[in-house]
Amino acid sequence: MRVYCPFCKKEVEYKIEKRDIKEFRGIEINTYENVAICKECHQDLYVNEIEEKNNERIYELYREKANIIKPQDIIDLRGKYDISQRELTAILGFGKMTINRYERGGVPTKSQSDYIKLLIDNNDKFIEKVKEAYKNNNINEKIYEKIVSKELNNNITKKEVQDNIRKYLKFVLNRKPDIYNGYKTLDIEKIENIISYIASKVKNLTITSLNKYLWYIDMLSFNQRSIAITGLTYQNQKFGPTIVDKKYDEISLLDEKYTREDIETENGNTTKIISNGNYNLDKISDTERKIIDTIIKILKNKSVTDISELSHKEEGWRKTKRFERISFEYAMKLNIVK
């Protein structure tokens, strides 16, 4: 191999000499570096490929010993918020090419590394820095809103979303036991398990039919025991009894026990409910299970239209005006079990 020697002022051959390196930036690393030596004047030469490998070896050990962030750590931070090197540089207030240099393998100082690591590990601190950069006009509003909105989305877990839906349903659907909920306190967990159980027994269970299944189950329960099973309140809608204020939409979004599937058809959109098979009937008594199975047996082989037409024959729907709540007093005259 030949390389230009600034001392000999010509291309020369060189040899490799291995030298020990005890420390780097005050940190003990105990490694070595390869140095190119001119065979003619015996001076140290700079060979880019050799120096790059030396730096790679030294930097890797130094990062490990001093707990310095790696290039990928910074790349991951940018990826998390979908921001460029230039945007991250502006947020941190570093020199123009600093982030670019670090991502290409350059080693930050210990203080800079610790600072960046703090922002990586602490989302709140990073957002504070973003707000500060926006206030100082270092980043524009578009970048600021993108980062903040992503952080909000990252902080909201699926479990939190599901829990919030349950809290919302309990707030809007829960009421003191009366004739409109079958004198039963609302039980969201029980409802979820019943829906999953029904879906496991009924092929192509649509959300429209599910409303009728639940209504008939509660009505039959009230007919036989003078108390409903779910605590839901129902109202008169065009295609039959439904959960009040169309809250079946929110109920269908609870996906721990079942999955909602929206399908586009020639006649419009259809929502199906598919059981996850993990329903738990421990809170359901044998009597309640028998009532649920009775309604499933009656309706499971009927079409959506047939089920809707059956519900239109019930006094609870016929004698109630559109959008009015359906009283459980009509449970005493159920046609479906006559």
Protein backbone atom coordinates (compact mmCIF):
# COMPACT_ATOMS: atom_id res chain seq x y z
CA MET A 1 0.00 0.00 0.00
CA ARG A 2 1.28 3.46 -0.87
CA VAL A 3 0.23 6.86 0.52
CA TYR A 4 1.47 10.43 0.17
CA CYS A 5 4.10 11.41 2.77
CA PRO A 6 4.15 15.18 3.50
CA PHE A 7 7.69 14.85 4.80
CA CYS A 8 9.15 13.01 1.82
CA LYS A 9 6.75 14.91 -0.49
CA LYS A 10 5.96 11.83 -2.53
CA GLU A 11 4.01 8.58 -2.40
CA VAL A 12 5.70 6.03 -0.18
CA GLU A 13 5.10 2.61 1.24
CA TYR A 14 4.24 2.37 4.91
CA LYS A 15 4.20 -0.15 7.70
CA ILE A 16 1.72 -0.51 10.60
CA GLU A 17 2.78 0.01 14.18
CA LYS A 18 0.44 -0.89 17.08
CA ARG A 19 0.46 1.53 20.01
CA ASP A 20 -1.28 1.20 23.36
CA ILE A 21 -3.89 3.75 24.40
CA LYS A 22 -4.55 3.87 28.12
CA GLU A 23 -7.22 6.55 28.25
CA PHE A 24 -9.42 8.80 26.16
CA ARG A 25 -10.89 12.08 27.42
CA GLY A 26 -9.88 11.16 30.95
CA ILE A 27 -11.52 7.72 30.83
CA GLU A 28 -9.44 4.53 31.08
CA ILE A 29 -10.08 2.39 28.00
CA ASN A 30 -6.92 0.20 27.63
CA THR A 31 -6.98 -0.45 23.90
CA TYR A 32 -4.67 0.18 20.96
CA GLU A 33 -4.44 2.15 17.75
CA ASN A 34 -2.75 1.30 14.48
CA VAL A 35 -0.37 3.96 13.14
CA ALA A 36 1.00 4.14 9.61
CA ILE A 37 4.78 4.72 9.52
CA CYS A 38 6.65 5.92 6.43
CA LYS A 39 9.24 3.31 5.47
CA GLU A 40 11.61 6.00 4.22
CA CYS A 41 11.53 8.81 6.83
CA HIS A 42 9.87 6.82 9.63
CA GLN A 43 7.37 9.63 10.38
CA ASP A 44 3.74 9.03 11.37
CA LEU A 45 1.37 9.23 8.41
CA TYR A 46 -2.36 9.86 8.24
CA VAL A 47 -4.28 7.11 6.46
CA ASN A 48 -8.00 7.73 6.47
CA GLU A 49 -9.12 4.07 6.55
CA ILE A 50 -6.78 3.26 9.44
CA GLU A 51 -7.84 6.32 11.46
CA GLU A 52 -11.52 5.57 10.95
CA LYS A 53 -11.07 2.06 12.34
CA ASN A 54 -9.03 3.43 15.25
CA ASN A 55 -11.74 5.98 16.06
CA GLU A 56 -14.48 3.38 15.78
CA ARG A 57 -12.68 1.12 18.27
CA ILE A 58 -11.80 3.93 20.69
CA TYR A 59 -15.21 5.60 20.52
CA GLU A 60 -17.03 2.34 21.15
CA LEU A 61 -15.00 1.64 24.28
CA TYR A 62 -15.27 5.23 25.46
CA ARG A 63 -19.07 5.23 25.01
CA GLU A 64 -19.33 2.02 27.01
CA LYS A 65 -17.01 3.14 29.82
CA ALA A 66 -18.38 6.71 30.11
CA ASN A 67 -22.01 5.79 29.35
CA ILE A 68 -22.12 8.03 26.27
CA ILE A 69 -25.14 7.92 23.96
CA LYS A 70 -24.83 6.10 20.65
CA PRO A 71 -25.67 7.52 17.19
CA GLN A 72 -28.74 5.26 17.04
CA ASP A 73 -30.08 6.81 20.27
CA ILE A 74 -30.28 10.21 18.57
CA ILE A 75 -31.70 8.73 15.37
CA ASP A 76 -34.41 6.99 17.43
CA LEU A 77 -35.26 10.25 19.20
CA ARG A 78 -35.75 12.00 15.88
CA GLY A 79 -37.77 9.08 14.57
CA LYS A 80 -40.06 9.14 17.58
CA TYR A 81 -41.17 12.69 16.78
CA ASP A 82 -40.53 12.57 13.02
CA ILE A 83 -38.12 15.51 13.03
CA SER A 84 -35.00 16.27 10.99
CA GLN A 85 -31.43 16.75 12.19
CA ARG A 86 -31.82 20.47 11.60
CA GLU A 87 -35.01 20.60 13.68
CA LEU A 88 -33.49 18.67 16.58
CA THR A 89 -30.43 20.91 16.46
CA ALA A 90 -32.68 23.97 16.68
CA ILE A 91 -34.55 22.51 19.66
CA LEU A 92 -31.36 21.66 21.54
CA GLY A 93 -29.61 24.90 20.63
CA PHE A 94 -26.48 23.10 19.40
CA GLY A 95 -24.13 24.12 16.59
CA LYS A 96 -25.41 23.74 13.03
CA MET A 97 -23.74 20.39 12.19
CA THR A 98 -23.57 18.95 15.73
CA ILE A 99 -26.38 16.38 15.45
CA ASN A 100 -25.22 15.39 11.97
CA ARG A 101 -21.71 14.76 13.32
CA TYR A 102 -22.96 12.73 16.29
CA GLU A 103 -25.18 10.55 14.10
CA ARG A 104 -22.22 9.85 11.79
CA GLY A 105 -20.22 8.53 14.74
CA GLY A 106 -18.79 11.63 16.38
CA VAL A 107 -18.59 11.45 20.17
CA PRO A 108 -20.31 14.17 22.21
CA THR A 109 -18.81 15.48 25.41
CA LYS A 110 -19.93 13.78 28.61
CA SER A 111 -22.05 16.81 29.57
CA GLN A 112 -23.75 16.98 26.17
CA SER A 113 -24.34 13.24 26.18
CA ASP A 114 -25.91 13.34 29.64
CA TYR A 115 -28.12 16.23 28.56
CA ILE A 116 -29.38 14.48 25.43
CA LYS A 117 -29.87 11.25 27.41
CA LEU A 118 -32.01 13.16 29.92
CA LEU A 119 -34.25 14.42 27.12
CA ILE A 120 -34.48 10.93 25.62
CA ASP A 121 -35.41 9.31 28.93
CA ASN A 122 -37.74 12.08 30.14
CA ASN A 123 -40.50 12.98 27.69
CA ASP A 124 -41.69 15.88 29.84
CA LYS A 125 -38.22 17.45 29.81
CA PHE A 126 -38.03 17.11 26.04
CA ILE A 127 -41.43 18.75 25.58
CA GLU A 128 -40.33 21.57 27.90
CA LYS A 129 -37.31 22.09 25.64
CA VAL A 130 -39.58 22.08 22.57
CA LYS A 131 -41.82 24.72 24.15
CA GLU A 132 -38.78 26.82 25.03
CA ALA A 133 -37.47 26.55 21.45
CA TYR A 134 -40.86 27.58 20.07
CA LYS A 135 -41.09 30.53 22.48
CA ASN A 136 -37.63 31.69 21.36
CA ASN A 137 -38.64 31.32 17.67
CA ASN A 138 -36.05 28.59 17.09
CA ILE A 139 -38.76 26.32 15.62
CA ASN A 140 -41.99 27.21 13.85
CA GLU A 141 -45.55 26.44 14.91
CA LYS A 142 -45.89 23.49 12.51
CA ILE A 143 -42.92 21.66 14.05
CA TYR A 144 -44.08 22.52 17.57
CA GLU A 145 -47.61 21.17 17.01
CA LYS A 146 -46.31 18.02 15.31
CA ILE A 147 -44.06 17.13 18.24
CA VAL A 148 -46.61 17.95 20.94
CA SER A 149 -49.42 16.03 19.19
CA LYS A 150 -47.17 12.97 18.76
CA GLU A 151 -46.26 13.07 22.43
CA LEU A 152 -49.94 13.20 23.39
CA ASN A 153 -50.64 10.17 21.21
CA ASN A 154 -47.66 8.29 22.63
CA ASN A 155 -48.84 8.93 26.18
CA ILE A 156 -52.34 7.54 25.58
CA THR A 157 -52.14 3.76 25.73
CA LYS A 158 -54.76 1.42 24.36
CA LYS A 159 -55.72 0.38 27.88
CA GLU A 160 -56.27 4.03 28.83
CA VAL A 161 -58.50 4.52 25.79
CA GLN A 162 -60.55 1.46 26.69
CA ASP A 163 -60.81 2.51 30.34
CA ASN A 164 -61.93 5.98 29.28
CA ILE A 165 -64.68 4.49 27.10
CA ARG A 166 -65.89 2.43 30.05
CA LYS A 167 -65.87 5.47 32.32
CA TYR A 168 -67.81 7.43 29.71
CA LEU A 169 -70.40 4.67 29.29
CA LYS A 170 -70.88 4.37 33.03
CA PHE A 171 -71.37 8.12 33.23
CA VAL A 172 -73.94 8.43 30.43
CA LEU A 173 -75.77 5.12 30.84
CA ASN A 174 -75.79 4.55 34.58
CA ARG A 175 -78.97 5.55 36.39
CA LYS A 176 -80.79 4.62 39.52
CA PRO A 177 -82.72 1.36 39.12
CA ASP A 178 -86.15 2.06 37.68
CA ILE A 179 -88.69 0.73 35.19
CA TYR A 180 -86.54 1.89 32.25
CA ASN A 181 -83.49 -0.22 33.11
CA GLY A 182 -85.36 -3.16 34.59
CA TYR A 183 -84.47 -2.14 38.15
CA LYS A 184 -80.91 -3.25 37.49
CA THR A 185 -77.70 -1.27 38.10
CA LEU A 186 -75.57 -0.95 34.98
CA ASP A 187 -72.76 -3.53 34.73
CA ILE A 188 -70.38 -2.79 31.82
CA GLU A 189 -68.14 -5.79 32.51
CA LYS A 190 -71.13 -8.11 32.46
CA ILE A 191 -72.35 -6.54 29.22
CA GLU A 192 -68.96 -7.08 27.54
CA ASN A 193 -68.91 -10.76 28.49
CA ILE A 194 -72.50 -11.33 27.39
CA ILE A 195 -71.81 -9.70 24.01
CA SER A 196 -68.70 -11.85 23.53
CA TYR A 197 -70.71 -14.96 24.47
CA ILE A 198 -73.52 -14.10 22.04
CA ALA A 199 -71.01 -13.42 19.25
CA SER A 200 -69.37 -16.80 19.89
CA LYS A 201 -72.72 -18.52 19.30
CA VAL A 202 -74.10 -16.40 16.45
CA LYS A 203 -72.52 -16.22 13.01
CA ASN A 204 -72.52 -12.81 11.34
CA LEU A 205 -73.76 -10.97 14.43
CA THR A 206 -74.41 -7.38 13.36
CA ILE A 207 -74.61 -4.45 15.73
CA THR A 208 -78.23 -3.92 14.64
CA SER A 209 -79.17 -7.44 15.68
CA LEU A 210 -77.07 -7.23 18.85
CA ASN A 211 -79.33 -4.44 20.11
CA LYS A 212 -82.32 -6.77 19.77
CA TYR A 213 -80.52 -9.69 21.43
CA LEU A 214 -79.70 -7.56 24.47
CA TRP A 215 -83.17 -6.03 24.62
CA TYR A 216 -84.90 -9.42 24.39
CA ILE A 217 -82.53 -10.91 27.00
CA ASP A 218 -83.26 -8.10 29.46
CA MET A 219 -87.00 -8.18 28.73
CA LEU A 220 -87.21 -11.97 29.15
CA SER A 221 -85.23 -11.69 32.39
CA PHE A 222 -87.66 -9.06 33.69
CA ASN A 223 -90.58 -11.22 32.55
CA GLN A 224 -89.32 -14.18 34.57
CA ARG A 225 -87.51 -12.54 37.50
CA SER A 226 -88.76 -8.92 37.68
CA ILE A 227 -85.21 -7.66 37.11
CA ALA A 228 -83.08 -7.16 33.99
CA ILE A 229 -79.57 -8.57 33.50
CA THR A 230 -77.48 -5.73 32.04
CA GLY A 231 -78.91 -2.50 33.47
CA LEU A 232 -79.10 -0.99 29.97
CA THR A 233 -81.83 1.45 28.96
CA TYR A 234 -83.46 1.05 25.53
CA GLN A 235 -85.37 3.36 23.21
CA ASN A 236 -87.57 3.16 20.13
CA GLN A 237 -85.66 3.43 16.87
CA LYS A 238 -86.70 2.83 13.25
CA PHE A 239 -85.40 -0.73 13.09
CA GLY A 240 -86.52 -1.72 16.57
CA PRO A 241 -85.40 -1.31 20.20
CA THR A 242 -81.82 -0.10 20.62
CA ILE A 243 -79.56 0.95 23.47
CA VAL A 244 -80.48 4.52 24.37
CA ASP A 245 -78.79 7.39 22.46
CA LYS A 246 -77.06 4.91 20.15
CA LYS A 247 -74.45 4.14 22.79
CA TYR A 248 -74.08 0.73 21.20
CA ASP A 249 -71.46 2.42 18.99
CA GLU A 250 -69.24 3.15 21.99
CA ILE A 251 -69.95 -0.27 23.51
CA SER A 252 -68.81 -1.91 20.26
CA LEU A 253 -65.44 -0.13 20.57
CA LEU A 254 -64.57 -2.09 23.73
CA ASP A 255 -62.31 -4.73 22.21
CA GLU A 256 -61.04 -6.81 25.12
CA LYS A 257 -63.75 -9.45 24.71
CA TYR A 258 -64.82 -8.90 21.10
CA THR A 259 -63.81 -7.11 17.93
CA ARG A 260 -65.80 -4.64 15.86
CA GLU A 261 -65.56 -5.11 12.10
CA ASP A 262 -66.95 -2.44 9.77
CA ILE A 263 -67.85 -3.81 6.34
CA GLU A 264 -68.84 -1.80 3.26
CA THR A 265 -71.68 -3.38 1.28
CA GLU A 266 -73.89 -2.40 -1.68
CA ASN A 267 -76.59 -1.39 0.79
CA GLY A 268 -74.27 0.67 2.97
CA ASN A 269 -71.96 -0.04 5.90
CA THR A 270 -72.53 -3.01 8.21
CA THR A 271 -70.87 -3.45 11.59
CA LYS A 272 -70.24 -6.98 12.79
CA ILE A 273 -69.23 -8.13 16.25
CA ILE A 274 -66.73 -11.00 16.46
CA SER A 275 -66.03 -12.78 19.75
CA ASN A 276 -62.42 -13.04 20.97
CA GLY A 277 -63.47 -16.24 22.73
CA ASN A 278 -62.29 -15.04 26.14
CA TYR A 279 -65.67 -14.24 27.71
CA ASN A 280 -66.09 -14.92 31.42
CA LEU A 281 -69.52 -16.00 32.65
CA ASP A 282 -68.60 -16.25 36.34
CA LYS A 283 -70.78 -13.23 37.16
CA ILE A 284 -73.72 -14.70 35.24
CA SER A 285 -76.02 -17.01 37.20
CA ASP A 286 -77.36 -20.28 35.82
CA THR A 287 -80.80 -18.67 35.48
CA GLU A 288 -79.37 -15.73 33.53
CA ARG A 289 -77.37 -18.10 31.31
CA LYS A 290 -80.56 -20.03 30.53
CA ILE A 291 -82.35 -16.80 29.57
CA ILE A 292 -79.47 -15.72 27.32
CA ASP A 293 -79.33 -19.15 25.65
CA THR A 294 -83.09 -19.07 25.08
CA ILE A 295 -82.91 -15.81 23.13
CA ILE A 296 -79.84 -17.00 21.18
CA LYS A 297 -81.68 -20.19 20.20
CA ILE A 298 -84.71 -18.20 18.99
CA LEU A 299 -82.80 -15.58 16.99
CA LYS A 300 -79.50 -17.12 15.86
CA ASN A 301 -80.76 -18.50 12.53
CA LYS A 302 -82.81 -15.43 11.64
CA SER A 303 -81.66 -12.62 9.36
CA VAL A 304 -81.19 -9.04 10.51
CA THR A 305 -84.45 -8.10 8.77
CA ASP A 306 -86.35 -10.99 10.38
CA ILE A 307 -85.12 -10.03 13.86
CA SER A 308 -86.07 -6.40 13.26
CA GLU A 309 -89.55 -7.40 12.12
CA LEU A 310 -89.98 -9.60 15.21
CA SER A 311 -89.16 -6.67 17.47
CA HIS A 312 -91.71 -4.51 15.62
CA LYS A 313 -94.44 -6.89 16.74
CA GLU A 314 -93.63 -6.33 20.41
CA GLU A 315 -95.81 -3.91 22.37
CA GLY A 316 -92.70 -2.30 23.83
CA TRP A 317 -91.84 -0.97 20.37
CA ARG A 318 -95.37 -0.50 18.97
CA LYS A 319 -96.70 1.53 21.88
CA THR A 320 -93.64 3.73 22.33
CA LYS A 321 -93.01 6.82 20.22
CA ARG A 322 -89.82 7.21 18.20
CA PHE A 323 -86.77 7.96 20.39
CA GLU A 324 -88.73 7.42 23.64
CA ARG A 325 -87.38 5.06 26.26
CA ILE A 326 -89.06 1.66 26.37
CA SER A 327 -90.51 0.72 29.73
CA PHE A 328 -89.90 -2.78 31.09
CA GLU A 329 -93.59 -3.01 31.91
CA TYR A 330 -93.97 -4.34 28.37
CA ALA A 331 -91.89 -7.38 29.32
CA MET A 332 -95.06 -8.96 30.67
CA LYS A 333 -96.42 -9.26 27.12
CA LEU A 334 -93.48 -10.59 25.12
CA ASN A 335 -94.62 -12.20 21.85
CA ILE A 336 -91.30 -13.91 21.18
CA VAL A 337 -91.74 -16.50 23.95
CA LYS A 338 -95.45 -17.15 23.56
